[in-house]
PDB file of all heavy atoms in Angstrom:
ATOM      1  N   PHE A   1       9.419  12.073   6.982  1.00  0.00           N
ATOM      2  CA  PHE A   1       8.262  11.428   7.606  1.00  0.00           C
ATOM      3  C   PHE A   1       8.007  10.054   6.999  1.00  0.00           C
ATOM      4  O   PHE A   1       7.894   9.912   5.783  1.00  0.00           O
ATOM      5  CB  PHE A   1       7.007  12.277   7.411  1.00  0.00           C
ATOM      6  CG  PHE A   1       6.876  13.426   8.371  1.00  0.00           C
ATOM      7  CD1 PHE A   1       7.569  14.607   8.158  1.00  0.00           C
ATOM      8  CD2 PHE A   1       6.041  13.337   9.479  1.00  0.00           C
ATOM      9  CE1 PHE A   1       7.445  15.686   9.033  1.00  0.00           C
ATOM     10  CE2 PHE A   1       5.901  14.400  10.356  1.00  0.00           C
ATOM     11  CZ  PHE A   1       6.601  15.574  10.136  1.00  0.00           C
ATOM     12  N   ASN A   2       7.889   9.054   7.860  1.00  0.00           N
ATOM     13  CA  ASN A   2       7.502   7.694   7.490  1.00  0.00           C
ATOM     14  C   ASN A   2       6.025   7.556   7.860  1.00  0.00           C
ATOM     15  O   ASN A   2       5.670   7.544   9.038  1.00  0.00           O
ATOM     16  CB  ASN A   2       8.348   6.693   8.272  1.00  0.00           C
ATOM     17  CG  ASN A   2       8.307   5.296   7.705  1.00  0.00           C
ATOM     18  OD1 ASN A   2       9.289   4.833   7.145  1.00  0.00           O
ATOM     19  ND2 ASN A   2       7.193   4.592   7.864  1.00  0.00           N
ATOM     20  N   ILE A   3       5.143   7.463   6.870  1.00  0.00           N
ATOM     21  CA  ILE A   3       3.705   7.617   7.109  1.00  0.00           C
ATOM     22  C   ILE A   3       2.965   6.309   6.838  1.00  0.00           C
ATOM     23  O   ILE A   3       2.943   5.810   5.711  1.00  0.00           O
ATOM     24  CB  ILE A   3       3.139   8.736   6.219  1.00  0.00           C
ATOM     25  CG1 ILE A   3       3.877  10.056   6.481  1.00  0.00           C
ATOM     26  CG2 ILE A   3       1.642   8.899   6.456  1.00  0.00           C
ATOM     27  CD1 ILE A   3       3.574  11.141   5.454  1.00  0.00           C
ATOM     28  N   ASP A   4       2.347   5.771   7.890  1.00  0.00           N
ATOM     29  CA  ASP A   4       1.549   4.550   7.793  1.00  0.00           C
ATOM     30  C   ASP A   4       0.080   4.955   7.661  1.00  0.00           C
ATOM     31  O   ASP A   4      -0.494   5.550   8.573  1.00  0.00           O
ATOM     32  CB  ASP A   4       1.772   3.705   9.049  1.00  0.00           C
ATOM     33  CG  ASP A   4       1.024   2.380   9.018  1.00  0.00           C
ATOM     34  OD1 ASP A   4       0.368   2.079   8.007  1.00  0.00           O
ATOM     35  OD2 ASP A   4       1.092   1.655  10.023  1.00  0.00           O
ATOM     36  N   ILE A   5      -0.522   4.623   6.525  1.00  0.00           N
ATOM     37  CA  ILE A   5      -1.903   5.015   6.245  1.00  0.00           C
ATOM     38  C   ILE A   5      -2.820   3.907   6.758  1.00  0.00           C
ATOM     39  O   ILE A   5      -2.789   2.780   6.264  1.00  0.00           O
ATOM     40  CB  ILE A   5      -2.089   5.277   4.750  1.00  0.00           C
ATOM     41  CG1 ILE A   5      -1.116   6.380   4.315  1.00  0.00           C
ATOM     42  CG2 ILE A   5      -3.519   5.680   4.438  1.00  0.00           C
ATOM     43  CD1 ILE A   5      -0.732   6.310   2.878  1.00  0.00           C
ATOM     44  N   LYS A   6      -3.658   4.251   7.726  1.00  0.00           N
ATOM     45  CA  LYS A   6      -4.378   3.245   8.488  1.00  0.00           C
ATOM     46  C   LYS A   6      -5.693   2.786   7.871  1.00  0.00           C
ATOM     47  O   LYS A   6      -6.178   1.695   8.199  1.00  0.00           O
ATOM     48  CB  LYS A   6      -4.646   3.772   9.909  1.00  0.00           C
ATOM     49  CG  LYS A   6      -3.391   3.899  10.761  1.00  0.00           C
ATOM     50  CD  LYS A   6      -2.754   2.545  10.980  1.00  0.00           C
ATOM     51  CE  LYS A   6      -1.620   2.608  11.986  1.00  0.00           C
ATOM     52  NZ  LYS A   6      -0.992   1.286  12.177  1.00  0.00           N
ATOM     53  N   THR A   7      -6.308   3.617   7.037  1.00  0.00           N
ATOM     54  CA  THR A   7      -7.597   3.240   6.457  1.00  0.00           C
ATOM     55  C   THR A   7      -7.645   3.622   4.987  1.00  0.00           C
ATOM     56  O   THR A   7      -6.917   4.516   4.541  1.00  0.00           O
ATOM     57  CB  THR A   7      -8.760   3.951   7.179  1.00  0.00           C
ATOM     58  OG1 THR A   7      -8.686   5.358   6.926  1.00  0.00           O
ATOM     59  CG2 THR A   7      -8.737   3.693   8.676  1.00  0.00           C
ATOM     60  N   ASP A   8      -8.532   2.974   4.255  1.00  0.00           N
ATOM     61  CA  ASP A   8      -8.706   3.318   2.847  1.00  0.00           C
ATOM     62  C   ASP A   8      -9.148   4.779   2.696  1.00  0.00           C
ATOM     63  O   ASP A   8      -8.706   5.479   1.784  1.00  0.00           O
ATOM     64  CB  ASP A   8      -9.747   2.400   2.201  1.00  0.00           C
ATOM     65  CG  ASP A   8      -9.261   0.966   2.051  1.00  0.00           C
ATOM     66  OD1 ASP A   8      -8.037   0.731   2.180  1.00  0.00           O
ATOM     67  OD2 ASP A   8     -10.100   0.078   1.822  1.00  0.00           O
ATOM     68  N   ALA A   9     -10.024   5.216   3.590  1.00  0.00           N
ATOM     69  CA  ALA A   9     -10.549   6.580   3.486  1.00  0.00           C
ATOM     70  C   ALA A   9      -9.473   7.637   3.700  1.00  0.00           C
ATOM     71  O   ALA A   9      -9.626   8.777   3.260  1.00  0.00           O
ATOM     72  CB  ALA A   9     -11.680   6.779   4.498  1.00  0.00           C
ATOM     73  N   ALA A  10      -8.383   7.264   4.370  1.00  0.00           N
ATOM     74  CA  ALA A  10      -7.305   8.219   4.637  1.00  0.00           C
ATOM     75  C   ALA A  10      -6.331   8.351   3.481  1.00  0.00           C
ATOM     76  O   ALA A  10      -5.479   9.249   3.483  1.00  0.00           O
ATOM     77  CB  ALA A  10      -6.542   7.817   5.897  1.00  0.00           C
ATOM     78  N   ALA A  11      -6.435   7.482   2.472  1.00  0.00           N
ATOM     79  CA  ALA A  11      -5.436   7.448   1.398  1.00  0.00           C
ATOM     80  C   ALA A  11      -5.387   8.750   0.620  1.00  0.00           C
ATOM     81  O   ALA A  11      -4.326   9.383   0.491  1.00  0.00           O
ATOM     82  CB  ALA A  11      -5.712   6.272   0.467  1.00  0.00           C
ATOM     83  N   GLU A  12      -6.502   9.172   0.073  1.00  0.00           N
ATOM     84  CA  GLU A  12      -6.499  10.371  -0.753  1.00  0.00           C
ATOM     85  C   GLU A  12      -6.237  11.639   0.061  1.00  0.00           C
ATOM     86  O   GLU A  12      -5.481  12.510  -0.397  1.00  0.00           O
ATOM     87  CB  GLU A  12      -7.792  10.456  -1.563  1.00  0.00           C
ATOM     88  CG  GLU A  12      -7.867   9.341  -2.604  1.00  0.00           C
ATOM     89  CD  GLU A  12      -8.998   9.507  -3.605  1.00  0.00           C
ATOM     90  OE1 GLU A  12      -9.567  10.618  -3.683  1.00  0.00           O
ATOM     91  OE2 GLU A  12      -9.289   8.535  -4.320  1.00  0.00           O
ATOM     92  N   PRO A  13      -6.805  11.798   1.264  1.00  0.00           N
ATOM     93  CA  PRO A  13      -6.440  12.964   2.074  1.00  0.00           C
ATOM     94  C   PRO A  13      -4.953  13.010   2.415  1.00  0.00           C
ATOM     95  O   PRO A  13      -4.351  14.094   2.473  1.00  0.00           O
ATOM     96  CB  PRO A  13      -7.301  12.799   3.330  1.00  0.00           C
ATOM     97  CG  PRO A  13      -8.495  12.044   2.869  1.00  0.00           C
ATOM     98  CD  PRO A  13      -7.956  11.073   1.850  1.00  0.00           C
ATOM     99  N   THR A  14      -4.347  11.844   2.627  1.00  0.00           N
ATOM    100  CA  THR A  14      -2.910  11.811   2.900  1.00  0.00           C
ATOM    101  C   THR A  14      -2.122  12.291   1.697  1.00  0.00           C
ATOM    102  O   THR A  14      -1.222  13.140   1.819  1.00  0.00           O
ATOM    103  CB  THR A  14      -2.470  10.380   3.272  1.00  0.00           C
ATOM    104  OG1 THR A  14      -3.110   9.998   4.490  1.00  0.00           O
ATOM    105  CG2 THR A  14      -0.959  10.300   3.442  1.00  0.00           C
ATOM    106  N   ALA A  15      -2.457  11.773   0.525  1.00  0.00           N
ATOM    107  CA  ALA A  15      -1.769  12.198  -0.692  1.00  0.00           C
ATOM    108  C   ALA A  15      -1.965  13.689  -0.933  1.00  0.00           C
ATOM    109  O   ALA A  15      -1.022  14.398  -1.327  1.00  0.00           O
ATOM    110  CB  ALA A  15      -2.288  11.397  -1.883  1.00  0.00           C
ATOM    111  N   ARG A  16      -3.153  14.187  -0.679  1.00  0.00           N
ATOM    112  CA  ARG A  16      -3.426  15.609  -0.883  1.00  0.00           C
ATOM    113  C   ARG A  16      -2.571  16.468   0.048  1.00  0.00           C
ATOM    114  O   ARG A  16      -2.012  17.491  -0.375  1.00  0.00           O
ATOM    115  CB  ARG A  16      -4.913  15.892  -0.667  1.00  0.00           C
ATOM    116  CG  ARG A  16      -5.313  17.335  -0.925  1.00  0.00           C
ATOM    117  CD  ARG A  16      -6.814  17.485  -1.006  1.00  0.00           C
ATOM    118  NE  ARG A  16      -7.485  17.052   0.215  1.00  0.00           N
ATOM    119  CZ  ARG A  16      -8.262  15.980   0.303  1.00  0.00           C
ATOM    120  NH1 ARG A  16      -8.460  15.202  -0.748  1.00  0.00           N
ATOM    121  NH2 ARG A  16      -8.848  15.668   1.447  1.00  0.00           N
ATOM    122  N   ALA A  17      -2.472  16.074   1.321  1.00  0.00           N
ATOM    123  CA  ALA A  17      -1.666  16.837   2.272  1.00  0.00           C
ATOM    124  C   ALA A  17      -0.204  16.867   1.854  1.00  0.00           C
ATOM    125  O   ALA A  17       0.463  17.909   1.939  1.00  0.00           O
ATOM    126  CB  ALA A  17      -1.808  16.240   3.668  1.00  0.00           C
ATOM    127  N   ILE A  18       0.313  15.734   1.393  1.00  0.00           N
ATOM    128  CA  ILE A  18       1.712  15.655   0.965  1.00  0.00           C
ATOM    129  C   ILE A  18       1.945  16.532  -0.268  1.00  0.00           C
ATOM    130  O   ILE A  18       2.932  17.267  -0.342  1.00  0.00           O
ATOM    131  CB  ILE A  18       2.099  14.190   0.694  1.00  0.00           C
ATOM    132  CG1 ILE A  18       2.093  13.402   2.016  1.00  0.00           C
ATOM    133  CG2 ILE A  18       3.470  14.099   0.015  1.00  0.00           C
ATOM    134  CD1 ILE A  18       2.165  11.904   1.830  1.00  0.00           C
ATOM    135  N   ARG A  19       1.030  16.455  -1.222  1.00  0.00           N
ATOM    136  CA  ARG A  19       1.158  17.303  -2.415  1.00  0.00           C
ATOM    137  C   ARG A  19       1.072  18.783  -2.054  1.00  0.00           C
ATOM    138  O   ARG A  19       1.870  19.595  -2.532  1.00  0.00           O
ATOM    139  CB  ARG A  19       0.062  16.962  -3.427  1.00  0.00           C
ATOM    140  CG  ARG A  19       0.299  15.709  -4.231  1.00  0.00           C
ATOM    141  CD  ARG A  19      -0.596  15.677  -5.465  1.00  0.00           C
ATOM    142  NE  ARG A  19      -1.999  15.882  -5.120  1.00  0.00           N
ATOM    143  CZ  ARG A  19      -2.867  14.903  -4.870  1.00  0.00           C
ATOM    144  NH1 ARG A  19      -2.471  13.643  -4.924  1.00  0.00           N
ATOM    145  NH2 ARG A  19      -4.120  15.169  -4.574  1.00  0.00           N
ATOM    146  N   ASP A  20       0.106  19.143  -1.220  1.00  0.00           N
ATOM    147  CA  ASP A  20      -0.086  20.552  -0.871  1.00  0.00           C
ATOM    148  C   ASP A  20       1.126  21.138  -0.172  1.00  0.00           C
ATOM    149  O   ASP A  20       1.443  22.323  -0.326  1.00  0.00           O
ATOM    150  CB  ASP A  20      -1.323  20.717   0.019  1.00  0.00           C
ATOM    151  CG  ASP A  20      -2.632  20.513  -0.737  1.00  0.00           C
ATOM    152  OD1 ASP A  20      -2.593  20.436  -1.980  1.00  0.00           O
ATOM    153  OD2 ASP A  20      -3.687  20.416  -0.072  1.00  0.00           O
ATOM    154  N   GLN A  21       1.829  20.306   0.590  1.00  0.00           N
ATOM    155  CA  GLN A  21       3.026  20.768   1.303  1.00  0.00           C
ATOM    156  C   GLN A  21       4.298  20.543   0.490  1.00  0.00           C
ATOM    157  O   GLN A  21       5.395  20.797   0.987  1.00  0.00           O
ATOM    158  CB  GLN A  21       3.138  20.048   2.659  1.00  0.00           C
ATOM    159  CG  GLN A  21       2.039  20.400   3.645  1.00  0.00           C
ATOM    160  CD  GLN A  21       2.010  21.868   3.979  1.00  0.00           C
ATOM    161  OE1 GLN A  21       3.059  22.471   4.205  1.00  0.00           O
ATOM    162  NE2 GLN A  21       0.820  22.465   4.022  1.00  0.00           N
ATOM    163  N   ARG A  22       4.137  20.062  -0.728  1.00  0.00           N
ATOM    164  CA  ARG A  22       5.280  19.785  -1.604  1.00  0.00           C
ATOM    165  C   ARG A  22       6.324  18.928  -0.876  1.00  0.00           C
ATOM    166  O   ARG A  22       7.526  19.197  -0.926  1.00  0.00           O
ATOM    167  CB  ARG A  22       5.906  21.096  -2.090  1.00  0.00           C
ATOM    168  CG  ARG A  22       4.931  21.941  -2.902  1.00  0.00           C
ATOM    169  CD  ARG A  22       5.566  23.203  -3.427  1.00  0.00           C
ATOM    170  NE  ARG A  22       4.605  23.975  -4.217  1.00  0.00           N
ATOM    171  CZ  ARG A  22       4.877  25.132  -4.814  1.00  0.00           C
ATOM    172  NH1 ARG A  22       6.094  25.653  -4.722  1.00  0.00           N
ATOM    173  NH2 ARG A  22       3.947  25.764  -5.496  1.00  0.00           N
ATOM    174  N   ALA A  23       5.830  17.879  -0.250  1.00  0.00           N
ATOM    175  CA  ALA A  23       6.675  17.057   0.617  1.00  0.00           C
ATOM    176  C   ALA A  23       6.954  15.670   0.061  1.00  0.00           C
ATOM    177  O   ALA A  23       7.523  14.823   0.760  1.00  0.00           O
ATOM    178  CB  ALA A  23       6.009  16.921   1.994  1.00  0.00           C
ATOM    179  N   THR A  24       6.598  15.420  -1.195  1.00  0.00           N
ATOM    180  CA  THR A  24       6.752  14.080  -1.756  1.00  0.00           C
ATOM    181  C   THR A  24       8.169  13.540  -1.619  1.00  0.00           C
ATOM    182  O   THR A  24       8.368  12.355  -1.337  1.00  0.00           O
ATOM    183  CB  THR A  24       6.334  14.069  -3.241  1.00  0.00           C
ATOM    184  OG1 THR A  24       4.988  14.508  -3.346  1.00  0.00           O
ATOM    185  CG2 THR A  24       6.472  12.688  -3.846  1.00  0.00           C
ATOM    186  N   ALA A  25       9.161  14.394  -1.789  1.00  0.00           N
ATOM    187  CA  ALA A  25      10.551  13.938  -1.774  1.00  0.00           C
ATOM    188  C   ALA A  25      11.052  13.576  -0.386  1.00  0.00           C
ATOM    189  O   ALA A  25      12.089  12.928  -0.260  1.00  0.00           O
ATOM    190  CB  ALA A  25      11.456  15.019  -2.378  1.00  0.00           C
ATOM    191  N   ARG A  26      10.328  13.963   0.663  1.00  0.00           N
ATOM    192  CA  ARG A  26      10.838  13.718   2.020  1.00  0.00           C
ATOM    193  C   ARG A  26       9.914  12.832   2.851  1.00  0.00           C
ATOM    194  O   ARG A  26       9.989  12.818   4.072  1.00  0.00           O
ATOM    195  CB  ARG A  26      11.106  15.033   2.745  1.00  0.00           C
ATOM    196  CG  ARG A  26       9.914  15.950   2.930  1.00  0.00           C
ATOM    197  CD  ARG A  26      10.352  17.277   3.564  1.00  0.00           C
ATOM    198  NE  ARG A  26       9.250  18.200   3.740  1.00  0.00           N
ATOM    199  CZ  ARG A  26       8.533  18.337   4.849  1.00  0.00           C
ATOM    200  NH1 ARG A  26       8.820  17.587   5.910  1.00  0.00           N
ATOM    201  NH2 ARG A  26       7.561  19.208   4.944  1.00  0.00           N
ATOM    202  N   VAL A  27       9.056  12.092   2.166  1.00  0.00           N
ATOM    203  CA  VAL A  27       8.206  11.156   2.886  1.00  0.00           C
ATOM    204  C   VAL A  27       8.350   9.760   2.293  1.00  0.00           C
ATOM    205  O   VAL A  27       8.726   9.589   1.130  1.00  0.00           O
ATOM    206  CB  VAL A  27       6.715  11.571   2.849  1.00  0.00           C
ATOM    207  CG1 VAL A  27       6.523  12.983   3.387  1.00  0.00           C
ATOM    208  CG2 VAL A  27       6.126  11.442   1.453  1.00  0.00           C
ATOM    209  N   LEU A  28       8.027   8.775   3.114  1.00  0.00           N
ATOM    210  CA  LEU A  28       7.800   7.411   2.676  1.00  0.00           C
ATOM    211  C   LEU A  28       6.375   7.086   3.072  1.00  0.00           C
ATOM    212  O   LEU A  28       5.968   7.343   4.207  1.00  0.00           O
ATOM    213  CB  LEU A  28       8.784   6.446   3.326  1.00  0.00           C
ATOM    214  CG  LEU A  28       8.603   4.945   3.004  1.00  0.00           C
ATOM    215  CD1 LEU A  28       9.945   4.228   2.991  1.00  0.00           C
ATOM    216  CD2 LEU A  28       7.664   4.258   4.001  1.00  0.00           C
ATOM    217  N   VAL A  29       5.603   6.537   2.146  1.00  0.00           N
ATOM    218  CA  VAL A  29       4.232   6.142   2.450  1.00  0.00           C
ATOM    219  C   VAL A  29       4.148   4.623   2.452  1.00  0.00           C
ATOM    220  O   VAL A  29       4.797   3.950   1.643  1.00  0.00           O
ATOM    221  CB  VAL A  29       3.222   6.742   1.458  1.00  0.00           C
ATOM    222  CG1 VAL A  29       3.177   8.256   1.594  1.00  0.00           C
ATOM    223  CG2 VAL A  29       3.535   6.353   0.022  1.00  0.00           C
ATOM    224  N   THR A  30       3.356   4.117   3.369  1.00  0.00           N
ATOM    225  CA  THR A  30       3.224   2.672   3.463  1.00  0.00           C
ATOM    226  C   THR A  30       1.897   2.320   4.095  1.00  0.00           C
ATOM    227  O   THR A  30       1.165   3.183   4.599  1.00  0.00           O
ATOM    228  CB  THR A  30       4.390   2.062   4.272  1.00  0.00           C
ATOM    229  OG1 THR A  30       4.387   0.639   4.108  1.00  0.00           O
ATOM    230  CG2 THR A  30       4.298   2.419   5.743  1.00  0.00           C
ATOM    231  N   SER A  31       1.584   1.031   4.073  1.00  0.00           N
ATOM    232  CA  SER A  31       0.386   0.511   4.711  1.00  0.00           C
ATOM    233  C   SER A  31       0.552  -0.994   4.844  1.00  0.00           C
ATOM    234  O   SER A  31       1.249  -1.624   4.040  1.00  0.00           O
ATOM    235  CB  SER A  31      -0.859   0.828   3.886  1.00  0.00           C
ATOM    236  OG  SER A  31      -2.001   0.226   4.462  1.00  0.00           O
ATOM    237  N   PHE A  32      -0.086  -1.581   5.835  1.00  0.00           N
ATOM    238  CA  PHE A  32      -0.111  -3.035   5.918  1.00  0.00           C
ATOM    239  C   PHE A  32      -0.908  -3.619   4.756  1.00  0.00           C
ATOM    240  O   PHE A  32      -0.693  -4.750   4.357  1.00  0.00           O
ATOM    241  CB  PHE A  32      -0.728  -3.481   7.252  1.00  0.00           C
ATOM    242  CG  PHE A  32       0.210  -3.346   8.419  1.00  0.00           C
ATOM    243  CD1 PHE A  32       0.172  -2.228   9.235  1.00  0.00           C
ATOM    244  CD2 PHE A  32       1.133  -4.334   8.703  1.00  0.00           C
ATOM    245  CE1 PHE A  32       1.035  -2.095  10.298  1.00  0.00           C
ATOM    246  CE2 PHE A  32       2.004  -4.223   9.771  1.00  0.00           C
ATOM    247  CZ  PHE A  32       1.952  -3.092  10.577  1.00  0.00           C
ATOM    248  N   ASN A  33      -1.816  -2.822   4.206  1.00  0.00           N
ATOM    249  CA  ASN A  33      -2.687  -3.253   3.119  1.00  0.00           C
ATOM    250  C   ASN A  33      -2.048  -2.918   1.776  1.00  0.00           C
ATOM    251  O   ASN A  33      -1.733  -1.762   1.503  1.00  0.00           O
ATOM    252  CB  ASN A  33      -4.039  -2.545   3.265  1.00  0.00           C
ATOM    253  CG  ASN A  33      -5.025  -2.930   2.189  1.00  0.00           C
ATOM    254  OD1 ASN A  33      -4.923  -2.458   1.061  1.00  0.00           O
ATOM    255  ND2 ASN A  33      -5.976  -3.778   2.533  1.00  0.00           N
ATOM    256  N   GLU A  34      -1.859  -3.914   0.906  1.00  0.00           N
ATOM    257  CA  GLU A  34      -1.160  -3.691  -0.360  1.00  0.00           C
ATOM    258  C   GLU A  34      -1.955  -2.824  -1.326  1.00  0.00           C
ATOM    259  O   GLU A  34      -1.394  -1.948  -2.005  1.00  0.00           O
ATOM    260  CB  GLU A  34      -0.812  -5.035  -1.003  1.00  0.00           C
ATOM    261  CG  GLU A  34      -0.210  -4.936  -2.396  1.00  0.00           C
ATOM    262  CD  GLU A  34       1.092  -4.151  -2.459  1.00  0.00           C
ATOM    263  OE1 GLU A  34       1.673  -3.821  -1.402  1.00  0.00           O
ATOM    264  OE2 GLU A  34       1.541  -3.869  -3.592  1.00  0.00           O
ATOM    265  N   GLN A  35      -3.253  -3.038  -1.416  1.00  0.00           N
ATOM    266  CA  GLN A  35      -4.058  -2.223  -2.319  1.00  0.00           C
ATOM    267  C   GLN A  35      -4.003  -0.754  -1.917  1.00  0.00           C
ATOM    268  O   GLN A  35      -3.892   0.140  -2.756  1.00  0.00           O
ATOM    269  CB  GLN A  35      -5.502  -2.724  -2.328  1.00  0.00           C
ATOM    270  CG  GLN A  35      -6.397  -1.993  -3.320  1.00  0.00           C
ATOM    271  CD  GLN A  35      -7.792  -2.590  -3.385  1.00  0.00           C
ATOM    272  OE1 GLN A  35      -8.104  -3.568  -2.704  1.00  0.00           O
ATOM    273  NE2 GLN A  35      -8.637  -2.001  -4.207  1.00  0.00           N
ATOM    274  N   ARG A  36      -4.074  -0.498  -0.624  1.00  0.00           N
ATOM    275  CA  ARG A  36      -4.007   0.884  -0.122  1.00  0.00           C
ATOM    276  C   ARG A  36      -2.645   1.492  -0.397  1.00  0.00           C
ATOM    277  O   ARG A  36      -2.541   2.647  -0.822  1.00  0.00           O
ATOM    278  CB  ARG A  36      -4.301   0.888   1.374  1.00  0.00           C
ATOM    279  CG  ARG A  36      -4.462   2.275   1.996  1.00  0.00           C
ATOM    280  CD  ARG A  36      -4.669   2.151   3.504  1.00  0.00           C
ATOM    281  NE  ARG A  36      -5.766   1.220   3.778  1.00  0.00           N
ATOM    282  CZ  ARG A  36      -5.826   0.426   4.848  1.00  0.00           C
ATOM    283  NH1 ARG A  36      -4.835   0.428   5.729  1.00  0.00           N
ATOM    284  NH2 ARG A  36      -6.854  -0.377   5.025  1.00  0.00           N
ATOM    285  N   ARG A  37      -1.588   0.719  -0.174  1.00  0.00           N
ATOM    286  CA  ARG A  37      -0.231   1.221  -0.445  1.00  0.00           C
ATOM    287  C   ARG A  37      -0.096   1.601  -1.915  1.00  0.00           C
ATOM    288  O   ARG A  37       0.399   2.687  -2.247  1.00  0.00           O
ATOM    289  CB  ARG A  37       0.807   0.153  -0.079  1.00  0.00           C
ATOM    290  CG  ARG A  37       2.246   0.617  -0.237  1.00  0.00           C
ATOM    291  CD  ARG A  37       3.214  -0.561  -0.201  1.00  0.00           C
ATOM    292  NE  ARG A  37       3.149  -1.345  -1.430  1.00  0.00           N
ATOM    293  CZ  ARG A  37       3.805  -1.038  -2.564  1.00  0.00           C
ATOM    294  NH1 ARG A  37       4.574   0.041  -2.629  1.00  0.00           N
ATOM    295  NH2 ARG A  37       3.698  -1.813  -3.623  1.00  0.00           N
TER     296      ARG A  37
END
């Protein structure tokens, strides 16, 4: 999964979902916003 995080508020829920599914090794996370990335 290539995941574009659209808002600051979505950052931590996105990380939590990835951790809970033990999916860190099979995702790429990104954002147009550098601080959010």
